[in-house]
Protein backbone atom coordinates (compact mmCIF):
# COMPACT_ATOMS: atom_id res chain seq x y z
CA MET A 1 111.29 93.03 79.17
CA THR A 2 109.10 91.18 76.67
CA ALA A 3 106.14 89.00 77.53
CA ASP A 4 103.07 87.66 75.81
CA ILE A 5 100.05 89.93 76.17
CA SER A 6 96.68 89.01 74.72
CA LEU A 7 93.75 91.35 74.17
CA GLN A 8 91.56 88.25 74.42
CA ASP A 9 92.36 88.03 78.12
CA PRO A 10 89.50 89.70 80.08
CA SER A 11 92.07 91.10 82.51
CA THR A 12 93.72 93.10 79.71
CA VAL A 13 92.12 96.50 79.11
CA PRO A 14 93.21 99.63 77.22
CA GLY A 15 95.32 102.07 79.20
CA ARG A 16 94.30 105.72 79.50
CA PHE A 17 97.62 107.55 79.67
CA TRP A 18 100.19 107.03 76.91
CA HIS A 19 101.33 108.53 73.62
CA ARG A 20 103.25 107.56 70.51
CA LEU A 21 106.86 108.62 69.98
CA GLY A 22 108.48 109.56 66.72
CA ASP A 23 110.83 106.56 66.80
CA GLY A 24 107.98 104.02 66.68
CA ARG A 25 107.81 103.33 70.39
CA VAL A 26 104.91 104.26 72.68
CA GLN A 27 105.40 105.94 76.04
CA CYS A 28 103.39 105.06 79.13
CA ASP A 29 102.51 108.28 80.98
CA VAL A 30 100.95 106.82 84.13
CA CYS A 31 104.09 107.46 86.17
CA PRO A 32 107.30 109.51 85.91
CA ARG A 33 109.23 106.43 84.83
CA GLU A 34 107.81 107.02 81.33
CA CYS A 35 108.55 103.53 80.02
CA ARG A 36 109.07 103.58 76.25
CA LEU A 37 107.94 100.36 74.72
CA HIS A 38 108.24 98.35 71.55
CA GLU A 39 105.47 95.93 70.60
CA GLY A 40 105.18 93.12 73.16
CA GLN A 41 107.25 94.83 75.83
CA ARG A 42 106.12 95.48 79.39
CA GLY A 43 107.15 98.36 81.62
CA LEU A 44 109.09 98.01 84.86
CA CYS A 45 105.80 97.56 86.73
CA PHE A 46 105.22 94.45 84.56
CA VAL A 47 101.44 94.91 84.52
CA ARG A 48 101.40 97.64 81.85
CA GLY A 49 102.65 96.83 78.37
CA ARG A 50 102.27 97.41 74.65
CA VAL A 51 100.10 95.29 72.43
CA ASP A 52 98.50 96.17 69.08
CA ASP A 53 100.20 99.57 69.12
CA GLN A 54 98.69 100.71 72.43
CA VAL A 55 99.47 100.56 76.14
CA VAL A 56 97.27 98.18 78.11
CA LEU A 57 96.76 97.15 81.73
CA THR A 58 97.04 93.37 82.14
CA SER A 59 95.86 92.97 85.75
CA TYR A 60 92.32 94.37 85.66
CA GLY A 61 90.20 92.38 88.11
CA ARG A 62 93.09 90.17 89.23
CA SER A 63 93.42 90.79 92.93
CA SER A 64 95.08 89.35 95.98
CA GLY A 65 95.21 89.55 99.74
CA PHE A 66 91.59 90.42 100.48
CA CYS A 67 91.38 91.11 104.19
CA VAL A 68 89.33 93.22 106.59
CA ASP A 69 91.66 95.44 108.63
CA PRO A 70 91.39 98.37 111.03
CA ILE A 71 91.70 101.65 109.12
CA GLU A 72 94.52 102.64 111.50
CA LYS A 73 96.67 99.94 109.90
CA LYS A 74 96.89 101.80 106.57
CA PRO A 75 97.87 103.95 108.56
CA LEU A 76 95.09 106.54 108.73
CA ASN A 77 94.43 107.94 112.21
CA HIS A 78 92.12 110.80 111.22
CA PHE A 79 89.84 109.00 108.77
CA LEU A 80 86.75 107.18 110.09
CA PRO A 81 88.60 106.08 113.27
CA GLY A 82 88.00 102.59 114.55
CA SER A 83 86.27 101.50 111.34
CA ALA A 84 86.87 98.40 109.24
CA VAL A 85 88.45 98.62 105.78
CA LEU A 86 88.51 95.94 103.09
CA SER A 87 92.10 95.79 101.81
CA PHE A 88 93.34 94.29 98.55
CA GLY A 89 96.12 94.63 96.00
CA THR A 90 97.19 93.30 92.62
CA ALA A 91 100.60 92.44 91.16
CA GLY A 92 103.35 94.78 90.05
CA CYS A 93 104.84 98.09 91.18
CA ASN A 94 106.47 101.08 89.53
CA LEU A 95 109.19 101.41 92.18
CA SER A 96 111.99 98.99 93.02
CA CYS A 97 112.36 99.48 96.77
CA ARG A 98 115.10 97.27 98.16
CA PHE A 99 113.26 97.06 101.49
CA CYS A 100 109.79 96.19 100.14
CA GLN A 101 107.82 94.16 102.68
CA ASN A 102 105.23 93.12 100.09
CA TRP A 103 107.77 92.09 97.45
CA ASP A 104 106.07 88.75 96.83
CA ILE A 105 103.07 90.71 95.50
CA SER A 106 104.63 93.89 94.16
CA LYS A 107 107.34 92.03 92.23
CA SER A 108 105.21 89.08 91.22
CA ARG A 109 105.53 87.89 87.62
CA GLU A 110 102.97 85.13 88.18
CA ILE A 111 99.78 87.14 87.88
CA ASP A 112 97.64 84.07 87.29
CA ARG A 113 98.51 82.63 90.70
CA LEU A 114 96.73 85.45 92.53
CA SER A 115 93.95 84.03 94.62
CA ASP A 116 90.89 86.05 93.63
CA ALA A 117 89.41 87.49 90.46
CA ALA A 118 87.06 90.31 91.42
CA GLY A 119 85.40 93.06 89.44
CA PRO A 120 84.81 96.51 90.91
CA GLU A 121 81.19 95.77 91.78
CA ASP A 122 82.21 92.52 93.50
CA ILE A 123 84.61 94.42 95.75
CA ALA A 124 82.13 97.18 96.57
CA ALA A 125 79.40 94.68 97.36
CA ALA A 126 81.71 92.63 99.57
CA ALA A 127 82.76 95.73 101.51
CA GLN A 128 79.14 96.64 102.11
CA ARG A 129 78.24 93.08 103.12
CA LEU A 130 81.16 92.89 105.56
CA GLY A 131 80.35 96.21 107.20
CA CYS A 132 83.47 97.98 105.93
CA ARG A 133 83.19 101.74 105.67
CA SER A 134 85.97 101.86 103.11
CA VAL A 135 88.05 99.86 100.64
CA ALA A 136 91.84 100.25 100.57
CA MET A 137 93.92 99.59 97.48
CA THR A 138 97.24 98.59 99.03
CA TYR A 139 100.04 95.95 99.17
CA ASN A 140 101.31 97.14 95.78
CA ASP A 141 100.92 100.65 94.39
CA PRO A 142 97.46 101.37 92.93
CA THR A 143 99.04 103.80 90.47
CA VAL A 144 100.02 100.88 88.25
CA PHE A 145 96.44 99.56 88.09
CA LEU A 146 94.89 103.02 87.69
CA GLU A 147 92.00 101.98 85.43
CA TYR A 148 90.96 99.23 87.83
CA ALA A 149 91.45 101.47 90.87
CA VAL A 150 89.22 104.21 89.42
CA ASP A 151 86.45 101.74 88.62
CA VAL A 152 86.66 100.20 92.10
CA ALA A 153 86.44 103.65 93.69
CA ASP A 154 83.41 104.56 91.58
CA ALA A 155 81.64 101.30 92.40
CA CYS A 156 82.29 101.89 96.10
CA ARG A 157 81.07 105.47 95.97
CA ALA A 158 77.81 104.30 94.39
CA ARG A 159 77.22 102.14 97.49
CA GLY A 160 78.26 104.76 100.03
CA VAL A 161 81.61 103.06 100.69
CA ARG A 162 84.74 105.24 100.77
CA SER A 163 87.94 104.41 98.90
CA VAL A 164 91.54 104.71 100.08
CA LEU A 165 94.88 104.58 98.26
CA VAL A 166 98.05 103.41 100.00
CA THR A 167 100.63 104.72 97.59
CA ALA A 168 104.14 105.99 97.02
CA GLY A 169 102.67 108.98 95.18
CA TYR A 170 104.87 108.31 92.14
CA VAL A 171 102.41 109.25 89.41
CA GLY A 172 102.33 111.43 86.28
CA ASP A 173 100.55 114.78 86.23
CA ASP A 174 97.49 113.83 84.13
CA ALA A 175 97.18 110.40 85.73
CA ARG A 176 97.37 112.03 89.17
CA ARG A 177 94.38 114.25 88.43
CA GLU A 178 92.36 111.31 87.15
CA LEU A 179 93.22 108.95 90.00
CA TYR A 180 92.57 111.32 92.90
CA ALA A 181 89.34 112.65 91.44
CA HIS A 182 87.70 109.34 92.38
CA VAL A 183 89.03 108.53 95.87
CA ASP A 184 88.37 109.80 99.38
CA ALA A 185 91.63 109.30 101.26
CA ALA A 186 95.25 108.32 100.83
CA ASN A 187 98.32 107.44 102.79
CA VAL A 188 101.37 108.60 100.85
CA ASP A 189 104.67 106.88 101.55
CA LEU A 190 107.36 109.58 101.60
CA LYS A 191 110.27 107.17 101.62
CA ALA A 192 113.01 109.66 102.42
CA PHE A 193 113.86 113.30 101.86
CA THR A 194 116.83 113.04 99.52
CA ASP A 195 116.86 112.32 95.82
CA ALA A 196 119.96 110.18 96.40
CA PHE A 197 117.95 107.77 98.58
CA TYR A 198 115.14 107.54 96.03
CA ARG A 199 117.55 106.79 93.18
CA ARG A 200 119.73 104.35 95.14
CA VAL A 201 117.11 102.45 97.14
CA SER A 202 113.87 102.81 95.15
CA ALA A 203 115.04 103.51 91.58
CA ALA A 204 112.87 106.61 91.52
CA ARG A 205 112.98 110.37 92.17
CA LEU A 206 111.81 112.50 95.09
CA GLN A 207 110.28 115.50 93.31
CA PRO A 208 107.25 113.73 91.75
CA VAL A 209 106.25 112.52 95.23
CA LEU A 210 106.48 116.05 96.60
CA ASP A 211 104.40 117.22 93.64
CA THR A 212 101.71 114.68 94.57
CA LEU A 213 101.64 115.88 98.17
CA VAL A 214 101.33 119.54 97.16
CA TYR A 215 98.60 118.64 94.67
CA LEU A 216 96.62 116.72 97.30
CA ARG A 217 96.88 119.54 99.81
CA HIS A 218 96.08 122.48 97.57
CA GLU A 219 93.97 121.14 94.70
CA THR A 220 91.80 118.35 96.14
CA ASP A 221 89.62 117.57 99.13
CA VAL A 222 91.14 114.09 99.48
CA TRP A 223 92.11 113.41 103.09
CA PHE A 224 95.73 112.26 103.25
CA GLU A 225 98.37 111.30 105.76
CA ILE A 226 102.09 110.70 105.25
CA THR A 227 104.26 107.77 106.30
CA THR A 228 108.05 107.65 106.42
CA LEU A 229 109.72 104.32 107.17
CA LEU A 230 112.94 105.13 109.02
CA ILE A 231 115.80 102.84 107.94
CA PRO A 232 118.93 102.90 110.11
CA GLY A 233 121.85 104.57 108.36
CA HIS A 234 119.83 105.44 105.26
CA ASN A 235 117.22 108.13 106.01
CA ASP A 236 117.17 108.54 109.80
CA SER A 237 119.58 111.42 110.44
CA ASP A 238 118.39 114.45 112.40
CA ALA A 239 119.20 116.68 109.44
CA GLU A 240 117.11 114.70 106.96
CA ILE A 241 114.17 114.26 109.32
CA GLY A 242 114.30 117.96 110.15
CA ALA A 243 114.37 118.93 106.47
CA GLU A 244 111.37 116.72 105.72
CA CYS A 245 109.35 118.13 108.62
CA ALA A 246 110.23 121.71 107.75
CA TRP A 247 109.13 121.12 104.15
CA ILE A 248 105.83 119.60 105.29
CA ALA A 249 105.13 122.50 107.64
CA GLU A 250 105.89 125.09 104.96
CA ASN A 251 104.24 123.45 101.94
CA LEU A 252 101.41 121.38 103.42
CA GLY A 253 100.76 123.01 106.78
CA PRO A 254 100.96 121.76 110.36
CA ASP A 255 97.80 119.64 110.34
CA VAL A 256 98.76 116.84 107.92
CA PRO A 257 99.34 113.73 110.08
CA LEU A 258 102.83 112.27 109.79
CA HIS A 259 103.66 108.67 110.73
CA PHE A 260 107.21 107.51 111.44
CA THR A 261 107.36 103.72 111.24
CA ALA A 262 110.00 101.15 112.12
CA PHE A 263 111.92 99.21 109.48
CA HIS A 264 112.25 95.44 109.72
CA PRO A 265 114.82 93.61 107.55
CA ASP A 266 113.26 92.23 104.37
CA PHE A 267 113.74 91.58 100.64
CA LYS A 268 117.15 92.98 99.57
CA MET A 269 117.95 94.82 102.82
CA ARG A 270 118.16 91.93 105.26
CA ASP A 271 121.59 93.11 106.38
CA VAL A 272 120.19 96.34 107.88
CA PRO A 273 119.15 96.17 111.55
CA PRO A 274 115.62 96.98 112.72
CA THR A 275 114.84 100.58 113.65
CA PRO A 276 115.36 101.21 117.38
CA PRO A 277 112.23 102.63 119.07
CA ALA A 278 114.36 105.55 120.27
CA THR A 279 114.80 106.62 116.64
CA LEU A 280 111.05 106.99 116.22
CA THR A 281 110.77 108.93 119.46
CA ARG A 282 113.55 111.26 118.30
CA ALA A 283 111.91 111.75 114.90
CA ARG A 284 108.56 112.50 116.52
CA ARG A 285 110.17 115.13 118.73
CA ILE A 286 111.88 116.76 115.73
CA ALA A 287 108.56 116.87 113.88
CA GLN A 288 106.74 118.41 116.83
CA ASP A 289 109.52 120.97 117.26
CA SER A 290 109.02 121.83 113.57
CA GLY A 291 105.41 122.73 114.33
CA LEU A 292 103.64 119.58 113.15
CA ARG A 293 100.63 118.91 115.36
CA PHE A 294 99.80 115.28 114.65
CA VAL A 295 102.84 113.02 114.62
CA TYR A 296 102.64 109.26 115.20
CA THR A 297 104.93 106.25 115.46
CA GLY A 298 104.23 102.80 114.05
CA ASN A 299 105.44 99.20 113.96
CA VAL A 300 106.40 99.55 117.63
CA HIS A 301 104.43 99.64 120.85
CA ASP A 302 104.45 103.31 121.84
CA ALA A 303 101.51 104.77 123.76
CA ASP A 304 102.74 108.34 123.37
CA GLY A 305 103.31 107.85 119.66
CA GLY A 306 99.76 106.62 119.14
CA ARG A 307 98.03 109.43 120.98
CA THR A 308 96.06 112.25 119.37
CA THR A 309 95.92 115.43 121.46
CA CYS A 310 93.88 118.58 121.03
CA PRO A 311 96.04 121.30 119.43
CA ALA A 312 94.19 123.95 121.44
CA CYS A 313 93.75 122.69 125.01
CA GLY A 314 96.14 119.71 125.07
CA GLU A 315 93.44 117.20 126.04
CA ALA A 316 94.23 113.57 125.16
CA LEU A 317 91.56 112.88 122.56
CA VAL A 318 92.41 109.40 121.27
CA GLU A 319 94.51 106.76 123.00
CA ARG A 320 95.62 103.84 120.80
CA ASP A 321 97.13 100.51 121.82
CA TRP A 322 98.48 99.30 118.49
CA TYR A 323 95.23 99.39 116.48
CA VAL A 324 92.84 99.28 119.43
CA ILE A 325 91.20 102.58 120.34
CA GLY A 326 90.69 103.07 124.06
CA HIS A 327 90.12 106.54 125.50
CA TYR A 328 88.16 108.60 122.92
CA ARG A 329 87.18 112.21 123.47
CA LEU A 330 86.07 113.39 120.02
CA THR A 331 82.52 114.32 119.10
CA ASP A 332 80.85 112.64 116.14
CA ASP A 333 81.92 115.52 113.91
CA GLY A 334 85.53 115.42 115.08
CA ARG A 335 85.71 118.13 117.73
CA CYS A 336 87.47 118.10 121.07
CA ALA A 337 84.89 117.13 123.68
CA SER A 338 86.48 119.54 126.15
CA CYS A 339 86.96 122.78 124.21
CA GLY A 340 85.16 122.21 120.90
CA THR A 341 88.21 122.67 118.67
CA ALA A 342 87.86 120.88 115.33
CA VAL A 343 90.48 118.19 114.67
CA PRO A 344 91.46 117.91 110.99
CA GLY A 345 90.26 114.71 109.36
CA ARG A 346 87.12 112.91 108.26
CA PHE A 347 84.80 112.15 111.17
CA ASP A 348 81.11 111.56 110.61
CA GLY A 349 79.79 109.41 113.43
CA PRO A 350 80.64 107.46 116.57
CA VAL A 351 84.05 105.80 116.76
CA GLY A 352 84.13 102.30 115.31
CA ARG A 353 85.11 99.25 117.35
CA TRP A 354 86.80 97.00 114.82
CA GLY A 355 89.95 96.84 116.94
CA ALA A 356 93.07 94.90 115.94
CA ARG A 357 91.33 92.05 114.12
CA ARG A 358 92.55 90.94 110.71
CA LEU A 359 89.95 88.92 108.84
CA PRO A 360 90.99 87.21 105.59
CA VAL A 361 88.20 87.24 103.00
CA PHE A 362 87.42 85.01 100.03
CA LEU A 363 85.48 87.05 97.51
CA ALA A 364 84.20 84.33 95.18
CA GLY A 365 80.46 84.59 94.97
CA SER A 366 80.36 88.08 96.53
């Protein structure tokens, strides 16, 4: 795809991960797609392209969807529970998921129509002013705006605000190390557990996502949780769910929280029915039988699927009603109030009380 790109545009900045090929093209190395570009071409993500013999990012500081959310909506159940997070995204994505529920943003080709232009310091200052303990880069995949994401995370860290990635984990090796060196938490969308699904439904591959998960678990101190959207007839068989859970238990350990969420028809998969709640219950049981200790359900009302229990004494530690935290029996440092067992996660104070509110934010003048 060709499109005009101008280095005079303040939203266009040099990319950090690319190299020249012997045939005159340049290759973008931010993600495993490895787009190989002639002058003036953009990659599949649309926001990275070649101009003046280099790869550039064209969406730096162009943001959309600023909103204060509960952190549990990301979803992150073991990271600063009950706190408020300032969420935002940009345009473009490096996957082509047929079920994308943010397709109007992730597949946007009208970058200039996005509602807010905000530099990293603007975002960090707004989060601090609004009482948000973290900033989430979400709606589209932050991998494609890596340079912007890193600068936002650094600006937040300087103000004592944490940073969160909501991502598909589809990122190149060197870019992965750079990106996760700057952030505090992530929710990684493990879309299925077969390469056939990734190729057919998302135009991607499974292995790079697994590589990201193993890297996060064994080579970083980034807190992360996993989400799998269960789509009827596509990735919801007992065999596939069991294989995914067994892999997580063996390669990541039993303490990584896993969220099974319900599909709703959207974008190019409007002919697929919504996920029955019973499917999520079944998946949660399979995961628990595989030894996973913290398994949740989402996009449905399910009290059992929102509960955190102590892995040692079985005490109900956190009861959730959608995004509202009710019963809470964790100490400020994340231990069971009954037996003192530490619950994996990031807990550093009293539970927040943001609740289920969603507060749209206009950043101009922040």
